[in-house]
Amino acid sequence: MRLPLFTTPEADDHIRTIDSWWRANRQVAPNLFAEELAACFELLAALPKIGRPYLRTAGILVRRVLLRATRYHVYYTVTPAGSSY
């Protein structure tokens, strides 16, 4: 079962900033960050508990997944209704 994914406005800002920097500074692979993040989102929609537990705050478990090629982490939670990032 695939779960819906939601990003927060703060995460969206981070994604835009990182993607913009990556495109401007990584001329050999300008799309790498966007492609790797999209693949991660696809994986998490199918296997939401694949990320390693990172911390628990206010009773909510935060997980993280490393984007190996770009070395960024995706931090997220899994809720009964789906996943959020």
N, C-alpha and C. Protein backbone atom coordinates (compact mmCIF):
# COMPACT_ATOMS: atom_id res chain seq x y z
N MET A 1 0.84 -1.18 0.00
CA MET A 1 0.00 0.00 0.00
C MET A 1 0.88 1.24 0.00
N ARG A 2 0.58 2.16 -0.87
CA ARG A 2 1.34 3.41 -0.94
C ARG A 2 0.65 4.47 -0.09
N LEU A 3 1.41 5.14 0.73
CA LEU A 3 0.87 6.19 1.58
C LEU A 3 1.06 7.54 0.92
N PRO A 4 0.16 8.48 1.19
CA PRO A 4 0.34 9.83 0.66
C PRO A 4 1.50 10.52 1.38
N LEU A 5 2.18 11.41 0.68
CA LEU A 5 3.30 12.16 1.24
C LEU A 5 2.93 13.63 1.31
N PHE A 6 3.30 14.25 2.40
CA PHE A 6 3.06 15.68 2.56
C PHE A 6 4.35 16.33 3.04
N THR A 7 4.66 17.48 2.51
CA THR A 7 5.82 18.23 2.99
C THR A 7 5.33 19.48 3.71
N THR A 8 6.13 19.95 4.62
CA THR A 8 5.79 21.17 5.34
C THR A 8 6.30 22.37 4.54
N PRO A 9 5.76 23.55 4.80
CA PRO A 9 6.29 24.75 4.13
C PRO A 9 7.78 24.94 4.40
N GLU A 10 8.22 24.64 5.61
CA GLU A 10 9.64 24.76 5.94
C GLU A 10 10.47 23.80 5.10
N ALA A 11 10.00 22.55 4.97
CA ALA A 11 10.71 21.57 4.14
C ALA A 11 10.75 22.02 2.69
N ASP A 12 9.64 22.57 2.21
CA ASP A 12 9.60 23.06 0.83
C ASP A 12 10.64 24.15 0.60
N ASP A 13 10.80 25.04 1.57
CA ASP A 13 11.82 26.10 1.47
C ASP A 13 13.21 25.49 1.41
N HIS A 14 13.48 24.50 2.25
CA HIS A 14 14.79 23.84 2.26
C HIS A 14 15.04 23.15 0.91
N ILE A 15 14.03 22.47 0.41
CA ILE A 15 14.17 21.76 -0.87
C ILE A 15 14.50 22.75 -1.99
N ARG A 16 13.77 23.86 -2.04
CA ARG A 16 14.04 24.86 -3.09
C ARG A 16 15.45 25.43 -2.97
N THR A 17 15.87 25.73 -1.74
CA THR A 17 17.21 26.30 -1.52
C THR A 17 18.30 25.32 -1.94
N ILE A 18 18.17 24.08 -1.52
CA ILE A 18 19.18 23.06 -1.85
C ILE A 18 19.20 22.81 -3.35
N ASP A 19 18.02 22.67 -3.94
CA ASP A 19 17.95 22.39 -5.38
C ASP A 19 18.54 23.55 -6.18
N SER A 20 18.24 24.76 -5.80
CA SER A 20 18.80 25.93 -6.49
C SER A 20 20.32 25.96 -6.39
N TRP A 21 20.84 25.72 -5.18
CA TRP A 21 22.30 25.70 -5.01
C TRP A 21 22.91 24.58 -5.84
N TRP A 22 22.29 23.40 -5.80
CA TRP A 22 22.82 22.24 -6.51
C TRP A 22 22.90 22.53 -8.01
N ARG A 23 21.83 23.10 -8.57
CA ARG A 23 21.80 23.39 -10.01
C ARG A 23 22.85 24.43 -10.41
N ALA A 24 23.10 25.38 -9.52
CA ALA A 24 24.06 26.44 -9.82
C ALA A 24 25.51 25.99 -9.64
N ASN A 25 25.75 25.03 -8.74
CA ASN A 25 27.11 24.69 -8.36
C ASN A 25 27.58 23.29 -8.75
N ARG A 26 26.71 22.47 -9.22
CA ARG A 26 27.06 21.09 -9.60
C ARG A 26 26.75 20.89 -11.07
N GLN A 27 27.58 21.49 -11.89
CA GLN A 27 27.32 21.50 -13.33
C GLN A 27 27.40 20.13 -13.98
N VAL A 28 28.13 19.21 -13.40
CA VAL A 28 28.23 17.86 -13.96
C VAL A 28 26.91 17.09 -13.77
N ALA A 29 26.23 17.35 -12.66
CA ALA A 29 24.97 16.64 -12.37
C ALA A 29 23.97 17.61 -11.73
N PRO A 30 23.50 18.59 -12.48
CA PRO A 30 22.63 19.61 -11.88
C PRO A 30 21.28 19.08 -11.38
N ASN A 31 20.82 17.97 -11.88
CA ASN A 31 19.52 17.42 -11.49
C ASN A 31 19.63 16.34 -10.41
N LEU A 32 20.82 16.06 -9.96
CA LEU A 32 21.04 14.95 -9.04
C LEU A 32 20.21 15.06 -7.76
N PHE A 33 20.21 16.22 -7.14
CA PHE A 33 19.46 16.36 -5.88
C PHE A 33 17.97 16.12 -6.12
N ALA A 34 17.40 16.75 -7.11
CA ALA A 34 15.96 16.59 -7.39
C ALA A 34 15.63 15.14 -7.72
N GLU A 35 16.46 14.50 -8.50
CA GLU A 35 16.22 13.10 -8.86
C GLU A 35 16.33 12.17 -7.66
N GLU A 36 17.34 12.41 -6.83
CA GLU A 36 17.54 11.57 -5.66
C GLU A 36 16.41 11.77 -4.64
N LEU A 37 15.98 13.01 -4.47
CA LEU A 37 14.88 13.28 -3.55
C LEU A 37 13.58 12.66 -4.05
N ALA A 38 13.31 12.75 -5.34
CA ALA A 38 12.11 12.14 -5.91
C ALA A 38 12.11 10.63 -5.72
N ALA A 39 13.26 10.01 -5.92
CA ALA A 39 13.37 8.56 -5.72
C ALA A 39 13.14 8.21 -4.24
N CYS A 40 13.65 9.03 -3.35
CA CYS A 40 13.46 8.80 -1.92
C CYS A 40 11.97 8.91 -1.57
N PHE A 41 11.28 9.91 -2.10
CA PHE A 41 9.85 10.07 -1.83
C PHE A 41 9.08 8.85 -2.34
N GLU A 42 9.45 8.34 -3.50
CA GLU A 42 8.79 7.14 -4.04
C GLU A 42 9.00 5.95 -3.10
N LEU A 43 10.21 5.79 -2.64
CA LEU A 43 10.53 4.69 -1.73
C LEU A 43 9.76 4.82 -0.41
N LEU A 44 9.72 6.02 0.14
CA LEU A 44 9.03 6.23 1.41
C LEU A 44 7.52 6.05 1.29
N ALA A 45 6.97 6.37 0.14
CA ALA A 45 5.52 6.16 -0.06
C ALA A 45 5.20 4.67 -0.01
N ALA A 46 6.12 3.85 -0.51
CA ALA A 46 5.91 2.40 -0.53
C ALA A 46 6.35 1.72 0.77
N LEU A 47 7.42 2.22 1.36
CA LEU A 47 7.99 1.60 2.57
C LEU A 47 8.28 2.69 3.62
N PRO A 48 7.24 3.24 4.23
CA PRO A 48 7.43 4.41 5.09
C PRO A 48 8.29 4.19 6.33
N LYS A 49 8.43 2.97 6.78
CA LYS A 49 9.22 2.75 8.00
C LYS A 49 10.65 2.34 7.70
N ILE A 50 11.09 2.57 6.47
CA ILE A 50 12.45 2.17 6.08
C ILE A 50 13.52 3.07 6.72
N GLY A 51 13.17 4.30 7.04
CA GLY A 51 14.15 5.22 7.62
C GLY A 51 14.54 4.82 9.03
N ARG A 52 15.74 5.19 9.40
CA ARG A 52 16.22 4.88 10.75
C ARG A 52 15.58 5.83 11.76
N PRO A 53 15.18 5.30 12.91
CA PRO A 53 14.69 6.18 13.96
C PRO A 53 15.78 7.19 14.32
N TYR A 54 15.40 8.46 14.43
CA TYR A 54 16.36 9.51 14.72
C TYR A 54 16.15 10.08 16.12
N LEU A 55 14.93 10.49 16.42
CA LEU A 55 14.62 10.99 17.75
C LEU A 55 13.12 10.92 17.97
N ARG A 56 12.75 11.03 19.22
CA ARG A 56 11.33 11.07 19.57
C ARG A 56 11.10 12.41 20.25
N THR A 57 10.12 13.15 19.72
CA THR A 57 9.81 14.44 20.29
C THR A 57 8.30 14.57 20.42
N ALA A 58 7.85 15.00 21.57
CA ALA A 58 6.42 15.13 21.86
C ALA A 58 5.68 13.84 21.53
N GLY A 59 6.33 12.70 21.77
CA GLY A 59 5.72 11.41 21.53
C GLY A 59 5.69 10.97 20.08
N ILE A 60 6.31 11.74 19.20
CA ILE A 60 6.32 11.42 17.77
C ILE A 60 7.72 10.96 17.37
N LEU A 61 7.80 9.82 16.72
CA LEU A 61 9.08 9.29 16.26
C LEU A 61 9.46 9.95 14.94
N VAL A 62 10.63 10.56 14.92
CA VAL A 62 11.17 11.16 13.70
C VAL A 62 12.18 10.17 13.12
N ARG A 63 12.04 9.91 11.85
CA ARG A 63 12.95 9.00 11.14
C ARG A 63 13.76 9.82 10.14
N ARG A 64 14.86 9.20 9.68
CA ARG A 64 15.64 9.89 8.65
C ARG A 64 16.20 8.88 7.66
N VAL A 65 16.39 9.37 6.44
CA VAL A 65 16.96 8.60 5.34
C VAL A 65 18.08 9.45 4.74
N LEU A 66 19.21 8.83 4.49
CA LEU A 66 20.32 9.53 3.86
C LEU A 66 20.19 9.46 2.34
N LEU A 67 20.31 10.60 1.69
CA LEU A 67 20.42 10.64 0.24
C LEU A 67 21.91 10.45 -0.04
N ARG A 68 22.28 9.26 -0.42
CA ARG A 68 23.70 8.88 -0.48
C ARG A 68 24.54 9.73 -1.44
N ALA A 69 24.02 10.01 -2.60
CA ALA A 69 24.83 10.73 -3.59
C ALA A 69 25.04 12.19 -3.21
N THR A 70 24.01 12.84 -2.66
CA THR A 70 24.12 14.26 -2.34
C THR A 70 24.45 14.53 -0.88
N ARG A 71 24.36 13.50 -0.06
CA ARG A 71 24.74 13.54 1.37
C ARG A 71 23.77 14.37 2.22
N TYR A 72 22.56 14.58 1.76
CA TYR A 72 21.53 15.24 2.57
C TYR A 72 20.69 14.17 3.26
N HIS A 73 20.04 14.55 4.35
CA HIS A 73 19.11 13.66 5.03
C HIS A 73 17.68 14.15 4.80
N VAL A 74 16.76 13.21 4.73
CA VAL A 74 15.33 13.51 4.74
C VAL A 74 14.82 13.08 6.11
N TYR A 75 14.24 14.01 6.84
CA TYR A 75 13.66 13.73 8.15
C TYR A 75 12.16 13.69 7.98
N TYR A 76 11.51 12.71 8.59
CA TYR A 76 10.07 12.57 8.39
C TYR A 76 9.42 11.82 9.54
N THR A 77 8.10 11.90 9.57
CA THR A 77 7.30 11.13 10.52
C THR A 77 6.29 10.32 9.73
N VAL A 78 5.84 9.24 10.33
CA VAL A 78 4.79 8.43 9.74
C VAL A 78 3.58 8.55 10.66
N THR A 79 2.47 8.97 10.10
CA THR A 79 1.24 9.15 10.88
C THR A 79 0.25 8.06 10.46
N PRO A 80 -0.78 7.86 11.24
CA PRO A 80 -1.77 6.85 10.86
C PRO A 80 -2.37 7.12 9.48
N ALA A 81 -2.47 8.39 9.10
CA ALA A 81 -3.05 8.74 7.80
C ALA A 81 -2.02 8.71 6.68
N GLY A 82 -0.75 8.57 7.01
CA GLY A 82 0.28 8.58 5.97
C GLY A 82 1.59 9.11 6.48
N SER A 83 2.37 9.67 5.58
CA SER A 83 3.69 10.19 5.93
C SER A 83 3.72 11.69 5.74
N SER A 84 4.55 12.33 6.51
CA SER A 84 4.79 13.76 6.32
C SER A 84 6.27 14.01 6.46
N TYR A 85 6.76 15.06 5.82
CA TYR A 85 8.19 15.35 5.79
C TYR A 85 8.44 16.75 6.27
